[in-house]
């Protein structure tokens, strides 16, 4: 693992912590969070499946 990839991983973790903190500050309940995560996972999976059929 090179220094550049290590710095990128640390930066991405920092952005993830920042995004989670901002999301958490809105005090969204857990069931809504899980529902939104599943919806987004289905959207990305559906798009990936669609593009794998097309290409």
N, C-alpha and C. Protein backbone atom coordinates (compact mmCIF):
# COMPACT_ATOMS: atom_id res chain seq x y z
N UNK A 1 0.86 -1.18 0.00
CA UNK A 1 0.00 0.00 0.00
C UNK A 1 0.90 1.24 0.00
N UNK A 2 0.69 2.10 -0.96
CA UNK A 2 1.53 3.29 -1.07
C UNK A 2 1.01 4.40 -0.16
N UNK A 3 1.80 5.45 -0.05
CA UNK A 3 1.41 6.58 0.80
C UNK A 3 0.17 7.28 0.25
N UNK A 4 0.08 7.35 -1.06
CA UNK A 4 -1.05 8.05 -1.68
C UNK A 4 -2.36 7.34 -1.38
N UNK A 5 -2.36 6.02 -1.46
CA UNK A 5 -3.59 5.28 -1.17
C UNK A 5 -3.94 5.36 0.31
N UNK A 6 -2.95 5.39 1.17
CA UNK A 6 -3.21 5.53 2.60
C UNK A 6 -3.83 6.88 2.92
N UNK A 7 -3.32 7.93 2.30
CA UNK A 7 -3.87 9.27 2.51
C UNK A 7 -5.30 9.33 1.97
N UNK A 8 -5.56 8.68 0.85
CA UNK A 8 -6.91 8.66 0.28
C UNK A 8 -7.89 7.95 1.21
N UNK A 9 -7.46 6.85 1.80
CA UNK A 9 -8.33 6.11 2.72
C UNK A 9 -8.63 6.96 3.96
N UNK A 10 -7.63 7.62 4.50
CA UNK A 10 -7.83 8.47 5.67
C UNK A 10 -8.77 9.63 5.33
N UNK A 11 -8.59 10.22 4.15
CA UNK A 11 -9.46 11.32 3.74
C UNK A 11 -10.90 10.84 3.56
N UNK A 12 -11.08 9.68 2.95
CA UNK A 12 -12.44 9.15 2.77
C UNK A 12 -13.10 8.82 4.11
N UNK A 13 -12.33 8.31 5.05
CA UNK A 13 -12.89 8.06 6.38
C UNK A 13 -13.28 9.36 7.07
N UNK A 14 -12.48 10.40 6.88
CA UNK A 14 -12.83 11.71 7.43
C UNK A 14 -14.13 12.25 6.84
N UNK A 15 -14.28 12.13 5.53
CA UNK A 15 -15.52 12.57 4.88
C UNK A 15 -16.71 11.75 5.35
N UNK A 16 -16.51 10.45 5.56
CA UNK A 16 -17.59 9.59 6.05
C UNK A 16 -18.01 10.02 7.45
N UNK A 17 -17.06 10.30 8.31
CA UNK A 17 -17.38 10.76 9.67
C UNK A 17 -18.12 12.09 9.62
N UNK A 18 -17.68 12.98 8.76
CA UNK A 18 -18.34 14.28 8.62
C UNK A 18 -19.78 14.12 8.12
N UNK A 19 -19.99 13.26 7.12
CA UNK A 19 -21.33 13.04 6.58
C UNK A 19 -22.23 12.37 7.62
N UNK A 20 -21.70 11.39 8.35
CA UNK A 20 -22.51 10.74 9.38
C UNK A 20 -22.87 11.69 10.51
N UNK A 21 -21.96 12.57 10.86
CA UNK A 21 -22.25 13.57 11.89
C UNK A 21 -23.35 14.52 11.45
N UNK A 22 -23.29 14.94 10.19
CA UNK A 22 -24.32 15.84 9.67
C UNK A 22 -25.67 15.12 9.62
N UNK A 23 -25.66 13.87 9.19
CA UNK A 23 -26.89 13.09 9.12
C UNK A 23 -27.46 12.87 10.52
N UNK A 24 -26.60 12.57 11.45
CA UNK A 24 -27.03 12.30 12.82
C UNK A 24 -27.58 13.56 13.50
N UNK A 25 -27.11 14.72 13.09
CA UNK A 25 -27.57 15.96 13.71
C UNK A 25 -29.04 16.24 13.38
N UNK A 26 -29.55 15.63 12.32
CA UNK A 26 -30.96 15.79 11.97
C UNK A 26 -31.87 14.85 12.78
N UNK A 27 -31.28 13.98 13.56
CA UNK A 27 -31.99 13.07 14.47
C UNK A 27 -33.05 12.24 13.76
N UNK A 28 -32.64 11.60 12.67
CA UNK A 28 -33.52 10.70 11.93
C UNK A 28 -33.55 9.37 12.68
N UNK A 29 -34.75 8.78 12.84
CA UNK A 29 -34.82 7.54 13.62
C UNK A 29 -34.25 6.36 12.84
N UNK A 30 -33.99 5.27 13.54
CA UNK A 30 -33.27 4.13 12.97
C UNK A 30 -34.07 3.43 11.88
N UNK A 31 -35.38 3.29 12.04
CA UNK A 31 -36.16 2.58 11.03
C UNK A 31 -36.17 3.34 9.70
N UNK A 32 -36.23 4.65 9.76
CA UNK A 32 -36.19 5.44 8.54
C UNK A 32 -34.81 5.35 7.89
N UNK A 33 -33.77 5.32 8.71
CA UNK A 33 -32.41 5.18 8.19
C UNK A 33 -32.24 3.86 7.46
N UNK A 34 -32.70 2.78 8.08
CA UNK A 34 -32.58 1.46 7.46
C UNK A 34 -33.40 1.39 6.18
N UNK A 35 -34.59 1.96 6.20
CA UNK A 35 -35.44 1.96 5.01
C UNK A 35 -34.77 2.72 3.86
N UNK A 36 -34.21 3.89 4.16
CA UNK A 36 -33.54 4.67 3.12
C UNK A 36 -32.31 3.94 2.59
N UNK A 37 -31.55 3.29 3.47
CA UNK A 37 -30.36 2.55 3.04
C UNK A 37 -30.74 1.39 2.13
N UNK A 38 -31.82 0.68 2.47
CA UNK A 38 -32.27 -0.42 1.62
C UNK A 38 -32.78 0.07 0.28
N UNK A 39 -33.48 1.19 0.27
CA UNK A 39 -33.96 1.74 -1.00
C UNK A 39 -32.78 2.12 -1.90
N UNK A 40 -31.77 2.81 -1.34
CA UNK A 40 -30.61 3.18 -2.14
C UNK A 40 -29.84 1.95 -2.61
N UNK A 41 -29.73 0.93 -1.76
CA UNK A 41 -29.05 -0.30 -2.17
C UNK A 41 -29.79 -0.97 -3.33
N UNK A 42 -31.12 -0.96 -3.27
CA UNK A 42 -31.92 -1.54 -4.37
C UNK A 42 -31.75 -0.74 -5.65
N UNK A 43 -31.70 0.58 -5.54
CA UNK A 43 -31.51 1.42 -6.72
C UNK A 43 -30.16 1.13 -7.38
N UNK A 44 -29.09 1.12 -6.58
CA UNK A 44 -27.76 0.87 -7.14
C UNK A 44 -27.65 -0.55 -7.70
N UNK A 45 -28.24 -1.53 -7.01
CA UNK A 45 -28.20 -2.90 -7.50
C UNK A 45 -28.98 -3.03 -8.80
N UNK A 46 -30.14 -2.39 -8.86
CA UNK A 46 -30.93 -2.43 -10.09
C UNK A 46 -30.21 -1.78 -11.25
N UNK A 47 -29.56 -0.64 -11.01
CA UNK A 47 -28.81 0.01 -12.08
C UNK A 47 -27.62 -0.83 -12.52
N UNK A 48 -26.92 -1.42 -11.57
CA UNK A 48 -25.78 -2.27 -11.92
C UNK A 48 -26.24 -3.48 -12.73
N UNK A 49 -27.36 -4.07 -12.34
CA UNK A 49 -27.91 -5.21 -13.08
C UNK A 49 -28.32 -4.79 -14.49
N UNK A 50 -28.97 -3.63 -14.61
CA UNK A 50 -29.40 -3.13 -15.91
C UNK A 50 -28.20 -2.90 -16.82
N UNK A 51 -27.16 -2.24 -16.29
CA UNK A 51 -25.98 -1.98 -17.12
C UNK A 51 -25.22 -3.26 -17.46
N UNK A 52 -25.27 -4.26 -16.58
CA UNK A 52 -24.60 -5.52 -16.91
C UNK A 52 -25.35 -6.25 -18.03
N UNK A 53 -26.67 -6.07 -18.12
CA UNK A 53 -27.42 -6.68 -19.21
C UNK A 53 -27.20 -5.94 -20.52
N UNK A 54 -27.10 -4.63 -20.45
CA UNK A 54 -26.97 -3.82 -21.64
C UNK A 54 -25.58 -3.94 -22.25
N UNK A 55 -24.56 -3.94 -21.44
CA UNK A 55 -23.18 -3.93 -21.95
C UNK A 55 -22.70 -5.29 -22.22
